[in-house]
Amino acid sequence: MAESAILVHDNERRWRVFRARVHALRSA
């Protein structure tokens, strides 16, 4: 259970970075 929680957290962090990058490209 701990491993899956870490995996979800890491995936969420990557998704946030990805969204921020897409938003920056759109704003540019």
Protein backbone atom coordinates (compact mmCIF):
# COMPACT_ATOMS: atom_id res chain seq x y z
CA MET A 1 0.00 0.00 0.00
CA ALA A 2 2.84 2.37 0.81
CA GLU A 3 4.44 1.72 -2.57
CA SER A 4 1.23 2.52 -4.46
CA ALA A 5 0.81 5.71 -2.43
CA ILE A 6 4.31 6.82 -3.39
CA LEU A 7 3.64 5.91 -7.01
CA VAL A 8 0.44 7.96 -7.07
CA HIS A 9 2.19 10.91 -5.46
CA ASP A 10 5.03 10.78 -7.99
CA ASN A 11 2.57 10.48 -10.86
CA GLU A 12 0.60 13.47 -9.57
CA ARG A 13 3.78 15.52 -9.30
CA ARG A 14 4.75 14.67 -12.89
CA TRP A 15 1.23 15.49 -14.08
CA ARG A 16 1.41 18.91 -12.39
CA VAL A 17 4.74 19.64 -14.09
CA PHE A 18 3.31 18.50 -17.42
CA ARG A 19 0.23 20.74 -17.05
CA ALA A 20 2.41 23.70 -16.07
CA ARG A 21 4.55 23.14 -19.17
CA VAL A 22 1.52 22.94 -21.46
CA HIS A 23 0.05 26.06 -19.87
CA ALA A 24 3.32 27.92 -20.40
CA LEU A 25 3.40 26.88 -24.06
CA ARG A 26 -0.19 28.05 -24.54
CA SER A 27 0.46 31.38 -22.84
CA ALA A 28 3.60 32.03 -24.89
